[in-house]
């Protein structure tokens, strides 16, 4: 019996999350976002209503609910994902189908991540948002030295030579250390291996462990429910602090970058709807209507992990996906299927290069796509994680990072949108790979 069925305690928490959706949490988040921008500008350097020190003091308190919200989600992320993945895989009695779904889902992740990264690179090359923001010449020269010292051919060869070791390192030697250090890919692979072992050796001795995982999930989702109460205050405070720090001029200049990312995410959504029509053989307009509540909750929370139970419920009941498929794809997709994040990072990486006056060659862009495909798999499903990955990828590729502070300033808005797209990608995979009949 699967743990997401309607009569168990976990489903009661799912119902409570759905009640939050009906309470229009997304609308509260949007209103909080607008009020946060206005408040931040009012306290920022352009208006001059108060001195920077006092503004920083006030906005630090305004952002306190947001910081608490982020910590609560991050706190339960690892136990939530481990329990979800192991329980989803371990609850399957059909190992052959589990293997078939896993292989197809992995191929789906690779293909859609490549598509998402390509869309992002195309949008960034056509619009060139970095041309609307200018850094000082000394910063450009200093940062340019990083990328000029890394030839294209050497980058490609280094990746090929390091590939065997990278494959071996996917399996964590110490899962506990991976969890403590936030190495989510190691945590996910550990959970997958344990979950498959549960499925292969399913018997009465294992059932108590599955029950323990059910209890862990119930506790984690209770904490998530508590965190959702803070969402409007979190969005308001974090946005207010951001707007007070960057000012109106920078916000307007970064507006082109934000619109570029949002335009790319819209194209990616259209791509998903075409996949639904062609491969899922479903009416995309019906799909849009049925997944809208999950998208709105994902938008409000900026966390794929927080909406796992609602995503599974939507896939099984509204999209008529096989339970054994939904309960595998959704937990795995929360950390491995991050197309919206990959698209955002591709735009951001080119933006960082553009504001420093550096042109990337075709080979370097291909390298960006390959790196994003690998880095987006296993990314933590928590708010703001894209910034952490972006900084690491930029450093590894030698792309200047002088503009990271600017990107961080507007990341909250983009994070909400790309999380909604990430969740849509998971539900699209469910429909394509788990149709009933």
Protein backbone atom coordinates (compact mmCIF):
# COMPACT_ATOMS: atom_id res chain seq x y z
CA UNK A 1 0.00 0.00 0.00
CA UNK A 2 1.38 3.39 -0.95
CA UNK A 3 1.70 6.14 1.60
CA UNK A 4 -0.13 8.80 -0.40
CA UNK A 5 -3.51 7.11 -0.46
CA UNK A 6 -6.45 9.00 0.90
CA UNK A 7 -7.02 7.31 4.26
CA UNK A 8 -3.60 7.59 5.90
CA UNK A 9 -2.40 10.44 8.16
CA UNK A 10 -0.09 11.83 5.50
CA UNK A 11 -3.05 12.52 3.22
CA UNK A 12 -4.66 14.62 5.94
CA UNK A 13 -1.64 16.91 5.78
CA UNK A 14 -1.94 16.97 2.00
CA UNK A 15 -5.53 18.12 2.41
CA UNK A 16 -4.36 20.92 4.71
CA UNK A 17 -1.84 22.08 2.10
CA UNK A 18 -4.59 22.09 -0.49
CA UNK A 19 -6.70 24.25 1.84
CA UNK A 20 -3.81 26.71 1.92
CA UNK A 21 -3.92 26.83 -1.88
CA UNK A 22 -7.65 27.57 -1.73
CA UNK A 23 -6.83 30.34 0.74
CA UNK A 24 -4.97 32.05 -2.16
CA UNK A 25 -1.53 31.94 -0.66
CA UNK A 26 -0.18 32.78 -4.12
CA UNK A 27 -2.18 36.02 -4.21
CA UNK A 28 -0.88 36.94 -0.76
CA UNK A 29 2.66 36.29 -2.02
CA UNK A 30 2.18 38.54 -5.07
CA UNK A 31 0.74 41.35 -2.98
CA UNK A 32 3.58 40.96 -0.50
CA UNK A 33 6.07 41.12 -3.37
CA UNK A 34 4.62 44.40 -4.68
CA UNK A 35 4.45 45.94 -1.20
CA UNK A 36 7.99 44.79 -0.53
CA UNK A 37 9.34 46.51 -3.64
CA UNK A 38 7.54 49.76 -2.79
CA UNK A 39 8.72 49.65 0.84
CA UNK A 40 12.29 48.84 -0.17
CA UNK A 41 12.47 51.67 -2.68
CA UNK A 42 11.03 54.07 -0.09
CA UNK A 43 13.81 53.13 2.35
CA UNK A 44 16.52 52.88 -0.32
CA UNK A 45 19.23 55.37 -1.34
CA UNK A 46 17.20 56.92 -4.20
CA UNK A 47 14.43 58.37 -2.03
CA UNK A 48 16.73 59.36 0.83
CA UNK A 49 14.00 59.06 3.46
CA UNK A 50 16.45 57.54 5.95
CA UNK A 51 20.16 56.93 6.20
CA UNK A 52 21.53 53.57 4.93
CA UNK A 53 22.46 52.30 8.40
CA UNK A 54 18.94 52.77 9.74
CA UNK A 55 17.41 51.29 6.59
CA UNK A 56 19.66 48.23 6.90
CA UNK A 57 18.63 47.81 10.54
CA UNK A 58 14.91 48.00 9.76
CA UNK A 59 15.05 45.72 6.69
CA UNK A 60 17.04 43.12 8.63
CA UNK A 61 14.08 42.83 11.00
CA UNK A 62 11.59 42.87 8.13
CA UNK A 63 13.50 39.99 6.52
CA UNK A 64 13.51 37.94 9.73
CA UNK A 65 10.34 35.93 8.85
CA UNK A 66 11.89 35.19 5.46
CA UNK A 67 15.09 33.91 7.00
CA UNK A 68 13.12 31.73 9.41
CA UNK A 69 11.03 30.37 6.53
CA UNK A 70 14.15 29.49 4.51
CA UNK A 71 15.72 27.76 7.51
CA UNK A 72 12.58 25.73 8.27
CA UNK A 73 12.36 24.45 4.69
CA UNK A 74 16.09 23.70 4.59
CA UNK A 75 15.87 21.94 7.97
CA UNK A 76 13.36 19.32 6.80
CA UNK A 77 14.61 19.04 3.21
CA UNK A 78 16.98 16.09 3.64
CA UNK A 79 14.73 13.87 5.80
CA UNK A 80 11.76 14.76 3.59
CA UNK A 81 13.53 13.79 0.37
CA UNK A 82 15.17 10.65 1.80
CA UNK A 83 11.87 9.39 3.20
CA UNK A 84 9.92 10.32 0.04
CA UNK A 85 12.34 8.65 -2.36
CA UNK A 86 12.85 5.48 -0.32
CA UNK A 87 9.13 5.17 0.40
CA UNK A 88 8.17 5.80 -3.21
CA UNK A 89 10.63 3.25 -4.58
CA UNK A 90 10.32 0.78 -1.71
CA UNK A 91 6.54 0.69 -1.92
CA UNK A 92 6.62 -0.68 -5.46
CA UNK A 93 5.97 -4.39 -5.91
CA UNK A 94 6.82 -4.39 -9.61
CA UNK A 95 10.60 -4.12 -9.91
CA UNK A 96 10.55 -4.44 -13.70
CA UNK A 97 8.24 -1.49 -14.09
CA UNK A 98 10.28 0.46 -11.54
CA UNK A 99 13.39 -0.09 -13.65
CA UNK A 100 11.53 0.86 -16.84
CA UNK A 101 10.15 4.08 -15.33
CA UNK A 102 13.55 4.99 -13.87
CA UNK A 103 15.39 4.62 -17.16
CA UNK A 104 12.75 6.56 -19.09
CA UNK A 105 12.65 9.30 -16.47
CA UNK A 106 16.42 9.70 -16.53
CA UNK A 107 16.32 10.05 -20.33
CA UNK A 108 13.50 12.58 -19.93
CA UNK A 109 15.58 14.60 -17.45
CA UNK A 110 18.60 14.73 -19.76
CA UNK A 111 16.57 15.74 -22.83
CA UNK A 112 14.45 18.41 -21.16
CA UNK A 113 17.42 19.90 -19.28
CA UNK A 114 19.31 20.26 -22.56
CA UNK A 115 16.24 21.93 -24.10
CA UNK A 116 15.87 24.28 -21.12
CA UNK A 117 19.55 25.27 -21.13
CA UNK A 118 19.45 25.86 -24.89
CA UNK A 119 16.37 28.09 -24.55
CA UNK A 120 18.14 30.10 -21.86
CA UNK A 121 21.32 30.54 -23.91
CA UNK A 122 19.32 31.56 -26.98
CA UNK A 123 17.30 34.14 -25.04
CA UNK A 124 20.46 35.58 -23.45
CA UNK A 125 22.26 35.80 -26.81
CA UNK A 126 19.33 37.44 -28.59
CA UNK A 127 18.33 39.95 -25.88
CA UNK A 128 21.79 40.37 -24.26
CA UNK A 129 20.52 41.62 -20.87
CA UNK A 130 24.08 42.23 -19.68
CA UNK A 131 24.39 45.18 -22.06
CA UNK A 132 21.90 47.13 -19.92
CA UNK A 133 24.00 46.90 -16.75
CA UNK A 134 27.51 48.32 -16.54
CA UNK A 135 30.38 47.51 -14.19
CA UNK A 136 33.51 49.55 -13.69
CA UNK A 137 36.37 48.87 -16.14
CA UNK A 138 38.79 47.75 -13.41
CA UNK A 139 36.38 45.03 -12.30
CA UNK A 140 35.98 43.86 -15.89
CA UNK A 141 39.73 43.59 -16.43
CA UNK A 142 40.29 41.73 -13.16
CA UNK A 143 37.48 39.29 -13.74
CA UNK A 144 38.33 38.75 -17.41
CA UNK A 145 41.65 37.22 -16.43
CA UNK A 146 39.82 34.19 -15.00
CA UNK A 147 38.16 33.15 -18.23
CA UNK A 148 41.03 34.11 -20.53
CA UNK A 149 43.27 31.70 -18.68
CA UNK A 150 41.02 28.72 -19.48
CA UNK A 151 41.24 27.56 -23.12
CA UNK A 152 38.20 25.88 -24.62
CA UNK A 153 39.96 22.67 -25.65
CA UNK A 154 41.49 22.22 -22.23
CA UNK A 155 38.10 22.55 -20.58
CA UNK A 156 36.63 19.85 -22.80
CA UNK A 157 39.56 17.48 -22.28
CA UNK A 158 39.52 17.99 -18.54
CA UNK A 159 35.86 16.97 -18.41
CA UNK A 160 36.51 13.81 -20.47
CA UNK A 161 39.55 12.84 -18.38
CA UNK A 162 37.71 13.41 -15.10
CA UNK A 163 34.58 11.53 -16.20
CA UNK A 164 35.45 8.06 -14.73
CA UNK A 165 36.28 9.54 -11.33
CA UNK A 166 33.15 11.68 -11.45
CA UNK A 167 30.98 8.62 -12.10
CA UNK A 168 32.53 6.75 -9.17
CA UNK A 169 32.11 9.78 -6.89
CA UNK A 170 28.36 9.79 -7.55
CA UNK A 171 28.07 6.98 -5.00
CA UNK A 172 28.72 8.53 -1.57
CA UNK A 173 31.25 6.82 0.69
CA UNK A 174 29.58 8.38 3.72
CA UNK A 175 25.90 9.31 3.21
CA UNK A 176 25.81 11.08 6.57
CA UNK A 177 28.70 13.33 5.56
CA UNK A 178 26.96 14.07 2.24
CA UNK A 179 23.86 15.11 4.15
CA UNK A 180 25.83 17.29 6.58
CA UNK A 181 27.73 18.99 3.74
CA UNK A 182 24.63 19.51 1.61
CA UNK A 183 25.81 17.24 -1.23
CA UNK A 184 22.30 16.51 -2.43
CA UNK A 185 23.23 14.33 -5.38
CA UNK A 186 24.95 11.89 -3.02
CA UNK A 187 21.92 11.93 -0.73
CA UNK A 188 19.57 11.28 -3.64
CA UNK A 189 21.64 8.40 -5.03
CA UNK A 190 21.90 6.85 -1.55
CA UNK A 191 18.11 7.10 -1.21
CA UNK A 192 17.56 5.57 -4.66
CA UNK A 193 19.81 2.59 -3.89
CA UNK A 194 18.14 1.97 -0.52
CA UNK A 195 14.68 2.37 -2.07
CA UNK A 196 15.45 -0.17 -4.81
CA UNK A 197 16.78 -2.57 -2.18
CA UNK A 198 13.49 -2.15 -0.28
CA UNK A 199 11.53 -2.97 -3.45
CA UNK A 200 13.65 -6.03 -4.29
CA UNK A 201 13.57 -7.48 -0.77
CA UNK A 202 10.00 -6.52 0.11
CA UNK A 203 8.79 -8.64 3.06
CA UNK A 204 7.25 -8.38 6.51
CA UNK A 205 10.59 -7.51 8.11
CA UNK A 206 10.81 -4.33 6.03
CA UNK A 207 7.23 -3.16 6.62
CA UNK A 208 8.01 -1.53 10.01
CA UNK A 209 10.74 0.52 8.34
CA UNK A 210 8.25 1.72 5.72
CA UNK A 211 5.93 2.70 8.55
CA UNK A 212 8.78 4.65 10.17
CA UNK A 213 9.32 6.52 6.90
CA UNK A 214 5.60 7.35 6.82
CA UNK A 215 5.98 8.89 10.27
CA UNK A 216 9.02 10.92 9.21
CA UNK A 217 7.09 12.25 6.23
CA UNK A 218 4.15 13.24 8.41
CA UNK A 219 6.41 15.16 10.80
CA UNK A 220 8.27 16.89 7.97
CA UNK A 221 5.09 17.99 6.25
CA UNK A 222 3.71 19.31 9.54
CA UNK A 223 6.77 21.58 9.78
CA UNK A 224 6.31 22.60 6.14
CA UNK A 225 2.71 23.54 6.94
CA UNK A 226 3.94 25.73 9.78
CA UNK A 227 6.48 27.36 7.45
CA UNK A 228 3.81 28.20 4.88
CA UNK A 229 2.13 30.49 7.42
CA UNK A 230 5.19 32.77 7.10
CA UNK A 231 5.15 32.96 3.27
CA UNK A 232 3.52 36.42 2.85
CA UNK A 233 5.73 37.95 5.55
CA UNK A 234 8.78 36.17 4.15
CA UNK A 235 8.25 37.47 0.62
CA UNK A 236 7.55 41.01 1.84
CA UNK A 237 10.62 41.19 4.08
CA UNK A 238 13.10 39.60 1.67
CA UNK A 239 11.94 41.74 -1.27
CA UNK A 240 11.95 44.91 0.84
CA UNK A 241 15.53 44.26 1.92
CA UNK A 242 16.59 43.58 -1.66
CA UNK A 243 14.94 46.73 -3.07
CA UNK A 244 16.43 48.93 -0.34
CA UNK A 245 19.92 47.68 -1.15
CA UNK A 246 19.99 47.84 -4.96
CA UNK A 247 17.98 51.03 -5.60
CA UNK A 248 15.64 52.05 -8.43
CA UNK A 249 18.26 52.51 -11.17
CA UNK A 250 19.72 49.04 -10.68
CA UNK A 251 16.26 47.51 -10.45
CA UNK A 252 15.32 49.03 -13.81
CA UNK A 253 18.57 47.86 -15.39
CA UNK A 254 18.09 44.36 -14.00
CA UNK A 255 14.51 44.39 -15.28
CA UNK A 256 15.73 43.33 -18.74
CA UNK A 257 17.54 40.37 -17.19
CA UNK A 258 14.45 39.39 -15.19
CA UNK A 259 12.21 39.64 -18.28
CA UNK A 260 14.70 37.55 -20.26
CA UNK A 261 14.53 34.74 -17.70
CA UNK A 262 10.74 34.97 -17.40
CA UNK A 263 10.40 34.92 -21.20
CA UNK A 264 12.55 31.79 -21.34
CA UNK A 265 10.48 30.13 -18.61
CA UNK A 266 7.31 30.92 -20.58
CA UNK A 267 8.78 29.28 -23.69
CA UNK A 268 9.73 26.25 -21.58
CA UNK A 269 6.16 26.00 -20.30
CA UNK A 270 4.89 26.05 -23.90
CA UNK A 271 7.39 23.28 -24.67
CA UNK A 272 5.93 21.21 -21.81
CA UNK A 273 2.42 21.71 -23.13
CA UNK A 274 3.53 20.51 -26.58
CA UNK A 275 5.06 17.43 -24.92
CA UNK A 276 1.74 16.83 -23.16
CA UNK A 277 -0.10 17.09 -26.49
CA UNK A 278 2.29 14.99 -28.60
CA UNK A 279 3.66 12.36 -26.21
CA UNK A 280 1.10 12.44 -23.40
CA UNK A 281 -1.86 12.55 -25.81
CA UNK A 282 -3.68 14.94 -23.53
CA UNK A 283 -5.43 18.25 -24.03
CA UNK A 284 -2.86 20.81 -22.81
CA UNK A 285 -5.58 23.24 -21.73
CA UNK A 286 -7.08 20.61 -19.43
CA UNK A 287 -3.58 19.93 -18.08
CA UNK A 288 -3.04 23.66 -17.43
CA UNK A 289 -6.28 23.91 -15.49
CA UNK A 290 -5.58 20.85 -13.35
CA UNK A 291 -1.98 21.68 -12.42
CA UNK A 292 -2.63 25.37 -11.70
CA UNK A 293 -3.12 24.88 -7.92
CA UNK A 294 0.22 23.09 -7.60
CA UNK A 295 1.95 25.74 -9.69
CA UNK A 296 0.55 28.48 -7.47
CA UNK A 297 1.66 26.74 -4.28
CA UNK A 298 5.14 26.17 -5.76
CA UNK A 299 5.23 29.85 -6.76
CA UNK A 300 4.32 30.88 -3.22
CA UNK A 301 6.83 28.66 -1.43
CA UNK A 302 9.75 28.62 -3.93
CA UNK A 303 10.31 25.00 -2.91
CA UNK A 304 9.68 21.88 -5.00
CA UNK A 305 10.07 19.74 -1.88
CA UNK A 306 7.33 21.57 -0.01
CA UNK A 307 4.72 20.64 -2.63
CA UNK A 308 5.65 16.96 -3.08
CA UNK A 309 2.45 15.56 -1.51
CA UNK A 310 0.20 17.94 -3.44
CA UNK A 311 2.04 17.15 -6.69
CA UNK A 312 1.53 13.42 -6.13
CA UNK A 313 -2.14 13.89 -5.29
CA UNK A 314 -2.62 16.00 -8.43
CA UNK A 315 -0.82 13.47 -10.63
CA UNK A 316 -2.83 10.51 -9.32
CA UNK A 317 -6.30 12.01 -9.03
CA UNK A 318 -6.47 14.92 -11.46
CA UNK A 319 -4.05 13.75 -14.17
CA UNK A 320 -4.92 10.03 -13.82
CA UNK A 321 -1.32 8.90 -13.51
CA UNK A 322 -0.49 5.45 -12.13
CA UNK A 323 0.24 5.76 -8.39
CA UNK A 324 3.41 3.68 -8.64
CA UNK A 325 4.71 6.10 -11.26
CA UNK A 326 3.74 9.35 -9.54
CA UNK A 327 5.18 8.22 -6.19
CA UNK A 328 8.55 7.59 -7.87
CA UNK A 329 8.79 10.50 -10.31
CA UNK A 330 7.67 13.37 -8.07
CA UNK A 331 10.13 12.85 -5.17
CA UNK A 332 13.00 12.18 -7.60
CA UNK A 333 11.99 15.11 -9.79
CA UNK A 334 12.10 17.48 -6.82
CA UNK A 335 15.90 17.26 -6.88
CA UNK A 336 16.82 15.77 -10.27
CA UNK A 337 14.43 17.42 -12.73
CA UNK A 338 15.26 21.14 -12.45
CA UNK A 339 14.67 22.50 -15.95
CA UNK A 340 13.57 25.94 -14.77
CA UNK A 341 16.74 26.24 -12.71
CA UNK A 342 18.92 25.12 -15.63
CA UNK A 343 17.31 27.74 -17.90
CA UNK A 344 17.76 30.49 -15.34
CA UNK A 345 21.39 29.57 -14.80
CA UNK A 346 22.17 29.59 -18.52
CA UNK A 347 20.78 33.13 -18.81
CA UNK A 348 22.59 34.20 -15.64
CA UNK A 349 25.95 32.80 -16.77
CA UNK A 350 25.81 34.67 -20.07
CA UNK A 351 24.61 37.76 -18.21
CA UNK A 352 27.69 37.60 -15.97
CA UNK A 353 29.94 37.33 -19.03
CA UNK A 354 28.13 40.15 -20.87
CA UNK A 355 28.37 42.70 -18.06
CA UNK A 356 32.14 42.09 -18.02
CA UNK A 357 32.42 42.51 -21.79
CA UNK A 358 33.33 38.88 -22.50
CA UNK A 359 31.99 36.91 -25.46
CA UNK A 360 31.69 33.16 -25.07
CA UNK A 361 32.43 30.94 -28.08
CA UNK A 362 30.13 28.18 -29.31
CA UNK A 363 32.30 25.53 -27.65
CA UNK A 364 32.17 27.35 -24.33
CA UNK A 365 28.37 27.60 -24.59
CA UNK A 366 28.19 23.86 -25.25
CA UNK A 367 30.32 23.39 -22.15
CA UNK A 368 27.87 25.59 -20.22
CA UNK A 369 24.96 23.35 -21.30
CA UNK A 370 26.78 20.15 -20.32
CA UNK A 371 27.77 21.61 -16.96
CA UNK A 372 24.22 22.77 -16.23
CA UNK A 373 22.81 19.35 -17.10
CA UNK A 374 25.10 17.78 -14.50
CA UNK A 375 24.80 20.50 -11.86
CA UNK A 376 21.00 20.75 -11.95
CA UNK A 377 20.62 17.02 -11.18
CA UNK A 378 20.61 16.56 -7.42
CA UNK A 379 20.17 20.25 -6.62
CA UNK A 380 18.44 20.91 -3.28
CA UNK A 381 14.74 21.71 -3.72
CA UNK A 382 14.91 24.74 -1.43
CA UNK A 383 14.43 28.49 -2.03
CA UNK A 384 17.48 30.30 -3.40
CA UNK A 385 19.53 27.19 -4.11
CA UNK A 386 19.97 28.28 -7.73
CA UNK A 387 22.29 31.06 -6.58
CA UNK A 388 24.58 28.59 -4.83
CA UNK A 389 24.79 26.38 -7.91
CA UNK A 390 25.27 29.40 -10.18
CA UNK A 391 28.26 30.68 -8.24
CA UNK A 392 29.88 27.25 -8.29
CA UNK A 393 29.28 26.69 -12.00
CA UNK A 394 30.52 30.17 -12.91
CA UNK A 395 33.69 29.65 -10.89
CA UNK A 396 34.34 26.24 -12.43
CA UNK A 397 33.91 27.60 -15.96
CA UNK A 398 35.98 30.71 -15.27
CA UNK A 399 33.05 33.03 -15.98
CA UNK A 400 33.36 36.38 -14.14
CA UNK A 401 31.28 36.61 -10.98
CA UNK A 402 31.34 40.37 -10.42
CA UNK A 403 27.61 40.64 -11.06
CA UNK A 404 26.47 37.91 -8.69
CA UNK A 405 25.36 40.50 -6.14
CA UNK A 406 23.04 42.04 -8.75
CA UNK A 407 21.58 38.65 -9.65
CA UNK A 408 21.11 37.81 -5.98
CA UNK A 409 19.16 41.04 -5.51
CA UNK A 410 16.39 40.03 -7.93
CA UNK A 411 16.61 36.27 -7.38
CA UNK A 412 13.56 36.06 -5.12
CA UNK A 413 11.18 37.02 -7.96
CA UNK A 414 12.79 34.60 -10.42
CA UNK A 415 13.04 31.81 -7.84
CA UNK A 416 9.28 31.79 -7.33
CA UNK A 417 8.64 31.50 -11.07
CA UNK A 418 11.26 28.87 -11.86
CA UNK A 419 10.05 26.66 -9.00
CA UNK A 420 6.57 26.65 -10.53
CA UNK A 421 8.14 25.62 -13.85
CA UNK A 422 10.21 22.88 -12.17
CA UNK A 423 7.08 21.38 -10.64
CA UNK A 424 5.29 21.58 -14.01
CA UNK A 425 8.14 19.59 -15.52
CA UNK A 426 7.69 16.85 -12.91
CA UNK A 427 3.96 16.62 -13.60
CA UNK A 428 4.62 16.57 -17.35
CA UNK A 429 6.96 13.61 -16.83
CA UNK A 430 4.23 11.87 -14.80
CA UNK A 431 1.72 12.24 -17.61
CA UNK A 432 4.13 11.10 -20.33
CA UNK A 433 5.55 8.12 -18.42
CA UNK A 434 2.62 7.04 -16.27
CA UNK A 435 -0.59 7.15 -18.29
CA UNK A 436 -3.25 4.69 -17.16
CA UNK A 437 -4.52 2.23 -19.71
